[in-house]
Structures are given as C-alpha cells and as structure tokens.
Protein backbone atom coordinates (compact mmCIF):
# COMPACT_ATOMS: atom_id res chain seq x y z
CA MET A 1 -51.68 -96.97 41.18
CA LYS A 2 -50.11 -93.58 41.88
CA ALA A 3 -47.99 -93.19 45.02
CA MET A 4 -45.33 -90.96 46.57
CA VAL A 5 -42.26 -93.20 46.39
CA GLN A 6 -39.01 -92.75 48.32
CA ASN A 7 -35.83 -94.64 47.43
CA THR A 8 -33.30 -92.66 49.46
CA TYR A 9 -33.16 -90.39 52.50
CA GLY A 10 -33.06 -86.67 51.92
CA SER A 11 -35.17 -83.54 51.69
CA PRO A 12 -38.87 -84.01 50.83
CA ASP A 13 -37.87 -83.56 47.19
CA VAL A 14 -36.66 -87.18 47.16
CA LEU A 15 -40.33 -88.23 47.01
CA GLU A 16 -41.40 -89.15 43.48
CA PHE A 17 -44.97 -89.30 42.18
CA SER A 18 -44.76 -92.70 40.53
CA ASP A 19 -46.71 -95.75 39.40
CA LEU A 20 -46.63 -98.89 41.55
CA GLU A 21 -48.44 -102.19 41.49
CA ARG A 22 -51.58 -102.17 43.59
CA PRO A 23 -50.87 -104.04 46.86
CA VAL A 24 -52.69 -107.24 47.76
CA ALA A 25 -54.42 -107.63 51.11
CA GLY A 26 -53.05 -110.52 53.17
CA PRO A 27 -54.69 -112.41 56.04
CA GLY A 28 -56.03 -110.01 58.64
CA GLU A 29 -55.78 -107.05 56.25
CA VAL A 30 -58.06 -104.96 54.08
CA LEU A 31 -57.16 -103.17 50.88
CA VAL A 32 -58.31 -99.57 51.20
CA ARG A 33 -58.91 -97.04 48.45
CA VAL A 34 -57.30 -94.05 50.14
CA HIS A 35 -59.24 -90.80 49.84
CA ALA A 36 -57.16 -88.69 52.26
CA ALA A 37 -53.91 -89.03 54.21
CA GLY A 38 -52.73 -87.02 57.19
CA VAL A 39 -49.30 -85.38 57.28
CA ASP A 40 -47.70 -85.47 60.73
CA PRO A 41 -44.20 -84.26 61.77
CA GLY A 42 -42.94 -87.83 61.85
CA VAL A 43 -43.20 -88.03 58.06
CA TRP A 44 -40.44 -85.43 57.74
CA HIS A 45 -38.18 -87.48 60.02
CA LEU A 46 -38.77 -90.68 58.06
CA THR A 47 -38.19 -88.85 54.77
CA THR A 48 -34.92 -87.27 55.85
CA GLY A 49 -33.74 -90.14 58.03
CA LEU A 50 -33.13 -87.68 60.87
CA PRO A 51 -32.42 -88.01 63.67
CA TYR A 52 -30.31 -91.12 63.02
CA LEU A 53 -32.08 -92.76 65.95
CA ALA A 54 -35.04 -93.33 63.61
CA ARG A 55 -32.86 -95.43 61.29
CA LEU A 56 -31.62 -97.49 64.24
CA MET A 57 -35.24 -98.20 65.23
CA GLY A 58 -35.69 -100.36 62.13
CA TYR A 59 -36.70 -97.94 59.40
CA GLY A 60 -33.57 -98.67 57.36
CA LEU A 61 -29.93 -97.67 57.92
CA ARG A 62 -28.91 -96.56 54.42
CA ALA A 63 -32.28 -96.30 52.72
CA PRO A 64 -35.90 -96.50 53.89
CA LYS A 65 -37.29 -100.03 54.06
CA ALA A 66 -40.78 -98.78 53.24
CA ARG A 67 -40.82 -97.10 49.82
CA VAL A 68 -44.13 -95.26 50.28
CA ARG A 69 -44.50 -92.64 53.01
CA GLY A 70 -47.58 -91.83 55.04
CA LEU A 71 -49.33 -93.31 58.09
CA ASP A 72 -52.72 -91.63 58.70
CA PHE A 73 -55.47 -92.45 56.24
CA ALA A 74 -59.20 -92.41 55.60
CA GLY A 75 -60.83 -94.28 52.76
CA CYS A 76 -63.10 -97.06 51.59
CA VAL A 77 -62.51 -100.81 51.86
CA GLU A 78 -61.95 -102.28 48.41
CA VAL A 79 -61.02 -105.90 49.21
CA VAL A 80 -60.95 -107.91 52.45
CA GLY A 81 -58.21 -110.43 53.11
CA ALA A 82 -58.54 -113.92 54.48
CA ASP A 83 -60.07 -114.27 57.97
CA VAL A 84 -61.46 -110.71 57.91
CA THR A 85 -65.07 -110.54 59.10
CA ARG A 86 -65.19 -107.10 60.72
CA PHE A 87 -65.26 -105.14 57.45
CA GLN A 88 -66.82 -105.53 54.02
CA PRO A 89 -66.07 -103.90 50.66
CA GLY A 90 -67.64 -100.46 50.62
CA ASP A 91 -67.09 -99.73 54.32
CA ASP A 92 -65.62 -96.31 55.12
CA VAL A 93 -62.66 -96.64 57.53
CA PHE A 94 -59.87 -94.59 59.07
CA GLY A 95 -56.68 -95.46 60.93
CA THR A 96 -52.98 -95.99 60.29
CA CYS A 97 -50.98 -98.08 57.88
CA GLU A 98 -47.61 -98.10 56.18
CA GLY A 99 -47.75 -96.20 52.91
CA SER A 100 -50.89 -94.07 52.98
CA PHE A 101 -49.49 -91.56 50.47
CA ALA A 102 -50.92 -93.68 47.66
CA GLU A 103 -54.19 -94.47 45.91
CA TYR A 104 -54.38 -97.85 47.65
CA ALA A 105 -52.90 -99.24 50.86
CA CYS A 106 -53.08 -102.49 52.82
CA VAL A 107 -54.27 -101.96 56.39
CA ARG A 108 -54.20 -104.32 59.34
CA VAL A 109 -57.70 -104.79 60.73
CA ASP A 110 -56.49 -103.94 64.25
CA ARG A 111 -55.21 -100.57 62.99
CA CYS A 112 -58.48 -99.23 61.61
CA ALA A 113 -62.06 -98.54 62.62
CA PRO A 114 -65.26 -97.31 60.98
CA LYS A 115 -64.91 -93.69 59.87
CA PRO A 116 -66.86 -91.23 62.04
CA ALA A 117 -70.12 -90.73 60.17
CA ASN A 118 -70.09 -86.94 60.63
CA LEU A 119 -66.54 -86.39 59.36
CA THR A 120 -65.30 -86.01 55.81
CA TYR A 121 -62.47 -88.21 54.58
CA ALA A 122 -60.05 -85.29 55.05
CA GLN A 123 -61.23 -84.68 58.61
CA ALA A 124 -61.05 -88.37 59.49
CA ALA A 125 -57.52 -88.67 58.07
CA ALA A 126 -56.41 -85.89 60.44
CA VAL A 127 -57.38 -87.89 63.51
CA PRO A 128 -55.47 -91.17 64.03
CA ILE A 129 -51.87 -90.37 64.99
CA SER A 130 -52.35 -86.91 66.50
CA ALA A 131 -55.59 -87.59 68.37
CA VAL A 132 -54.41 -90.99 69.64
CA THR A 133 -51.23 -89.32 70.90
CA ALA A 134 -53.27 -86.66 72.72
CA LEU A 135 -55.60 -89.30 74.15
CA GLN A 136 -52.85 -91.55 75.44
CA GLY A 137 -50.93 -88.58 76.84
CA LEU A 138 -53.89 -87.23 78.80
CA ARG A 139 -55.90 -90.33 79.71
CA ASP A 140 -53.20 -92.98 80.05
CA ALA A 141 -49.95 -91.20 80.97
CA ALA A 142 -51.38 -88.26 82.95
CA LYS A 143 -54.68 -89.83 84.06
CA VAL A 144 -56.40 -86.44 83.91
CA GLN A 145 -59.21 -85.98 86.43
CA PRO A 146 -62.16 -83.55 86.47
CA GLY A 147 -61.22 -80.17 87.90
CA GLN A 148 -57.49 -80.50 87.34
CA ARG A 149 -55.59 -77.62 85.78
CA VAL A 150 -54.03 -78.83 82.53
CA LEU A 151 -51.50 -76.87 80.47
CA VAL A 152 -51.22 -77.80 76.78
CA ILE A 153 -48.08 -76.43 75.13
CA GLY A 154 -48.37 -76.23 71.37
CA ALA A 155 -52.15 -76.03 71.71
CA ALA A 156 -52.72 -74.93 68.11
CA GLY A 157 -50.77 -77.79 66.54
CA GLY A 158 -51.86 -81.20 65.33
CA VAL A 159 -51.67 -82.96 68.70
CA GLY A 160 -52.44 -79.81 70.66
CA THR A 161 -55.80 -79.05 69.07
CA PHE A 162 -56.99 -82.55 69.92
CA ALA A 163 -55.47 -82.36 73.41
CA VAL A 164 -57.39 -79.19 74.29
CA GLN A 165 -60.68 -80.75 73.24
CA LEU A 166 -60.05 -84.09 74.95
CA ALA A 167 -58.91 -82.47 78.20
CA LYS A 168 -62.20 -80.57 78.25
CA THR A 169 -64.19 -83.77 77.75
CA PHE A 170 -62.32 -85.18 80.79
CA GLY A 171 -63.54 -82.21 82.84
CA ALA A 172 -60.23 -80.36 83.17
CA HIS A 173 -59.60 -76.61 83.31
CA VAL A 174 -57.46 -76.14 80.20
CA THR A 175 -54.85 -73.50 79.45
CA GLY A 176 -53.38 -73.49 75.96
CA VAL A 177 -49.99 -72.04 74.97
CA CYS A 178 -49.59 -70.76 71.41
CA SER A 179 -48.46 -67.77 69.34
CA THR A 180 -50.38 -64.51 68.97
CA GLU A 181 -52.08 -65.31 65.67
CA LYS A 182 -53.44 -68.61 66.99
CA THR A 183 -55.00 -67.51 70.28
CA ASP A 184 -58.50 -67.16 68.80
CA LEU A 185 -58.30 -70.67 67.37
CA VAL A 186 -57.31 -72.18 70.73
CA ARG A 187 -60.16 -70.37 72.49
CA SER A 188 -62.61 -71.54 69.83
CA ILE A 189 -61.85 -75.22 70.51
CA GLY A 190 -62.57 -74.88 74.21
CA ALA A 191 -59.53 -73.62 76.09
CA ASP A 192 -60.49 -71.83 79.32
CA GLU A 193 -57.36 -69.67 79.17
CA VAL A 194 -54.76 -68.96 76.50
CA ILE A 195 -51.15 -67.86 77.00
CA ASP A 196 -49.46 -66.08 74.10
CA TYR A 197 -45.86 -67.24 74.50
CA THR A 198 -44.55 -64.19 72.63
CA ARG A 199 -45.91 -61.94 75.39
CA ALA A 200 -45.94 -64.06 78.57
CA ASP A 201 -44.00 -66.89 80.17
CA PHE A 202 -46.13 -69.78 81.37
CA ALA A 203 -43.36 -70.64 83.86
CA ASP A 204 -43.31 -67.22 85.52
CA GLY A 205 -44.33 -68.70 88.88
CA LYS A 206 -47.83 -67.17 88.93
CA HIS A 207 -49.65 -70.38 88.00
CA HIS A 208 -48.91 -74.05 88.48
CA TYR A 209 -50.56 -77.04 86.88
CA GLU A 210 -51.38 -80.61 87.88
CA VAL A 211 -50.73 -81.76 84.31
CA ILE A 212 -48.54 -80.36 81.56
CA LEU A 213 -48.69 -81.88 78.08
CA ASP A 214 -45.80 -80.53 76.03
CA THR A 215 -46.32 -81.06 72.32
CA ALA A 216 -44.10 -78.22 71.11
CA GLY A 217 -40.78 -79.84 71.90
CA ASN A 218 -38.54 -76.81 72.45
CA ARG A 219 -38.93 -75.93 76.15
CA SER A 220 -36.22 -76.94 78.58
CA LEU A 221 -36.98 -79.52 81.23
CA SER A 222 -36.25 -76.99 84.00
CA GLN A 223 -38.72 -74.48 82.51
CA LEU A 224 -41.44 -77.11 82.27
CA ARG A 225 -40.88 -78.21 85.86
CA ARG A 226 -41.18 -74.62 87.16
CA ALA A 227 -44.79 -74.54 85.96
CA LEU A 228 -45.62 -77.96 87.41
CA ARG A 229 -47.01 -78.57 90.88
CA PRO A 230 -44.81 -80.56 93.29
CA ARG A 231 -46.67 -83.79 92.57
CA GLY A 232 -47.83 -82.86 89.10
CA ILE A 233 -47.37 -84.89 85.93
CA LEU A 234 -45.35 -83.75 82.93
CA VAL A 235 -45.88 -85.65 79.67
CA ILE A 236 -43.42 -84.88 76.87
CA VAL A 237 -44.67 -85.78 73.41
CA GLY A 238 -41.76 -86.31 71.04
CA GLY A 239 -39.58 -83.27 70.49
CA GLU A 240 -37.73 -81.26 67.90
CA GLY A 241 -34.06 -80.44 68.25
CA PRO A 242 -30.92 -79.79 66.21
CA GLY A 243 -29.04 -82.96 67.13
CA ARG A 244 -28.63 -85.37 64.21
CA LEU A 245 -28.40 -88.43 66.46
CA PHE A 246 -31.25 -87.96 68.96
CA GLY A 247 -32.99 -84.77 67.77
CA GLY A 248 -35.37 -83.64 70.50
CA VAL A 249 -35.74 -87.12 72.01
CA ASP A 250 -32.88 -86.39 74.41
CA ARG A 251 -35.33 -84.34 76.54
CA VAL A 252 -37.39 -87.46 77.12
CA LEU A 253 -34.28 -89.40 78.07
CA ARG A 254 -33.23 -86.71 80.57
CA ALA A 255 -36.73 -86.63 82.05
CA LEU A 256 -36.73 -90.39 82.56
CA LEU A 257 -33.31 -90.26 84.23
CA LEU A 258 -34.42 -87.46 86.58
CA ALA A 259 -37.85 -88.90 87.41
CA PRO A 260 -36.78 -91.27 90.24
CA PHE A 261 -35.22 -88.39 92.19
CA VAL A 262 -38.04 -85.82 92.19
CA SER A 263 -41.62 -85.74 93.48
CA GLN A 264 -42.94 -84.57 90.12
CA ARG A 265 -43.81 -87.35 87.70
CA LEU A 266 -41.92 -86.92 84.44
CA ARG A 267 -42.91 -89.05 81.50
CA GLY A 268 -42.15 -89.36 77.82
CA LEU A 269 -44.83 -90.57 75.45
CA PHE A 270 -44.40 -92.76 72.40
CA ALA A 271 -47.97 -93.46 71.33
CA ALA A 272 -49.12 -96.87 70.14
CA GLN A 273 -51.85 -97.29 67.55
CA ARG A 274 -54.74 -99.32 68.96
CA GLN A 275 -58.15 -100.06 67.51
CA GLU A 276 -59.92 -99.38 70.81
CA ASP A 277 -58.53 -95.84 70.85
CA LEU A 278 -59.75 -95.22 67.30
CA GLU A 279 -63.19 -96.42 68.44
CA PHE A 280 -63.06 -94.00 71.40
CA LEU A 281 -62.18 -91.12 69.08
CA ARG A 282 -64.86 -92.11 66.56
CA GLN A 283 -67.45 -91.95 69.30
CA ALA A 284 -66.12 -88.61 70.56
CA ALA A 285 -66.30 -87.16 67.05
CA GLU A 286 -69.83 -88.43 66.47
CA ASN A 287 -70.89 -87.02 69.86
CA GLY A 288 -69.58 -83.59 68.87
CA GLU A 289 -66.82 -83.66 71.50
CA LEU A 290 -63.97 -83.76 68.99
CA THR A 291 -63.66 -81.72 65.79
CA PRO A 292 -60.49 -81.95 63.67
CA VAL A 293 -58.86 -78.62 62.84
CA ILE A 294 -57.46 -78.63 59.31
CA ASP A 295 -55.08 -75.87 58.25
CA ARG A 296 -54.94 -76.78 54.57
CA THR A 297 -55.05 -79.64 52.11
CA TYR A 298 -52.71 -80.56 49.27
CA PRO A 299 -53.16 -82.97 46.35
CA LEU A 300 -51.16 -86.19 46.65
CA ASN A 301 -48.54 -85.14 44.09
CA GLU A 302 -47.68 -82.10 46.25
CA ALA A 303 -46.79 -84.18 49.31
CA ALA A 304 -43.28 -82.69 49.45
CA ASP A 305 -44.71 -79.18 49.85
CA ALA A 306 -47.09 -80.41 52.56
CA ILE A 307 -44.25 -82.05 54.51
CA ARG A 308 -42.14 -78.89 54.31
CA TYR A 309 -45.05 -76.77 55.52
CA VAL A 310 -45.68 -79.02 58.52
CA HIS A 311 -41.98 -79.08 59.40
CA LYS A 312 -41.89 -75.28 59.63
CA GLY A 313 -44.17 -75.61 62.66
CA HIS A 314 -46.69 -72.93 61.73
CA ALA A 315 -49.68 -75.12 60.86
CA ARG A 316 -52.97 -74.52 62.66
CA GLY A 317 -54.08 -78.04 63.45
CA LYS A 318 -53.49 -80.64 60.74
CA VAL A 319 -52.39 -80.76 57.11
CA VAL A 320 -53.98 -83.40 54.88
CA LEU A 321 -53.33 -84.85 51.43
CA THR A 322 -56.34 -85.53 49.21
CA VAL A 323 -56.01 -88.58 46.99
C-alpha cells in the first residue's frame, strides 16, 4: 500500500510517499480502506517533534515511534479482527487511528463509529479530532447552558467552526472572533455576533462572557480573563508558541496554577477520543446541526504541502487529504 512515511523528525519534507506492507487487523480492530484523512495542527508537531514535550509524552525521543502520520480518517471496513461484532466488511466508518495518511489503517473499534450518512468521506474525515475537541470543551469542560454568552476565539479554524455550531445547538448566544476575510464564514455557520480582531479588541471591557473557548492559542491569559465574567469559565484548547520545550502549552500550565486563587474557572483541554462522542457528532451531522467546513483538499502524496498550509494558520475550517 501507499503511505506517507516518516523516519526522522524535521520539516514536513521528511515525509516520503512510499510502499509499505498492508497492516493486519488484530483483536478488537478493523482494517479500514482509507478514503480521506483530516489534517490537524497536531500533525505538524508530530512531524517536527516540536515542542520537545511531545517527544517526552511517548512519541519517540530521537525519532518517531509511529512511521505513518495522520489521525483523522473516514473510509470503508475491509477486514474485521477477532472478537469484532459491531462492524462488517463494507461498512462506512470514521474516527481516529494511528497512521491514517495511508491507503489502509488498523482502527480500534472503540475509536470509530458509522460514518454520518449525509457526509462525504472528506467531510467525515474533517470531524473526529476537531469536533470532539470542540464538544468536550463546550459540553464537558465549560458545561454550556442555554442563554449563556459564549465567545469562540479562532472561530473560523478547524475546532472553531465546530465550536460555533455546537454552542448554538446547546442554546448559547455565540460570538466568534476571526480575521476580516473570515467574518462572513463565521456568520454563515450560526454565530450571533462576529468580532474582527484586526479592528476590535474582544477584551475592551464592553462585553463579558460566561464561557470563553480559546482555540487560537496566542492571546495572553490576562487578556482572556478581562473578557470573562467573575465566575465565568475559560477553556484553553492547546496553543501555539515559539518555545521549543513547551510551545504554547505553557499558557495551560499557568492557567492551572492560577485557577485555585481566582473566582474565574480556568481550564486547559486535552481532548480524548471516545466512541460515544463520535456517535453524538454523527447524530448531530445527520440532524443538520453540524456541517464540516472544508477549506481545501490535497491528494495523499501532497501531505507535506497540506501540513504546511495548516501550520500557517490561515485555513478556513479543515484541510483534508483524499486517498
């Protein structure tokens, strides 16, 4: 099979379009013929090995343990492993696995769900990591309630476009923060208000929010807290920063250290992939409450270009590889 193979850390150019043996599904796994794979910002970090914290978390100190990149996928079950009764060959599925930038991938049954019937493979592959992150940030960490004012920073990005839509399904009044050229997009997916950060400061003291979901990763903790109500909830999703050791994760660490001493609830989010969340998102998509926003697609052999494009931070919604 063809796959994007990585043998060393470095720029996305270290990825090689190579031939590998087709993997074999083990107990509790299915072998999936991958039709599309999502490209999220985390792929750049795992490709470059930066920040170094990622290497310390078990991805490999000197070289990546997993040779094939990619996590999000959508495809068709080819073979079921031992003890698998939930799926059959021919079933369309979506979810996460290790090594989705390939023609075939082995997927744990608890990491996938039936593909939403109304979504294409490319649309379904855009959902798992970003939409699950938005869901867990809003529903689980922030516990968003109807009528609350929710601010989504980075509203036109991969996580942000899902967060705007999910916050609306939870009955919130949603304000999205984005750049000038993306304001129409954010309005089109349901935002009640849009702040163009090139022309206005969301922390100017005029408005305060019960919930802030920061997906952009470059605002200071003090700026975020100025826009938050005294007992509001701030959820920081990842982060981008120049540090080679922690990158933008240091904001989360500072928030957790400060949290016990302030009335505002400050939380960092590291999403976990769960089958029940994929089922929730499948239902939301089929009900018309959730529509993936795809900026562009690339063929599998141009994965390096796709990763570079996502890392620049200008994508509208998601970028997807077609396989």
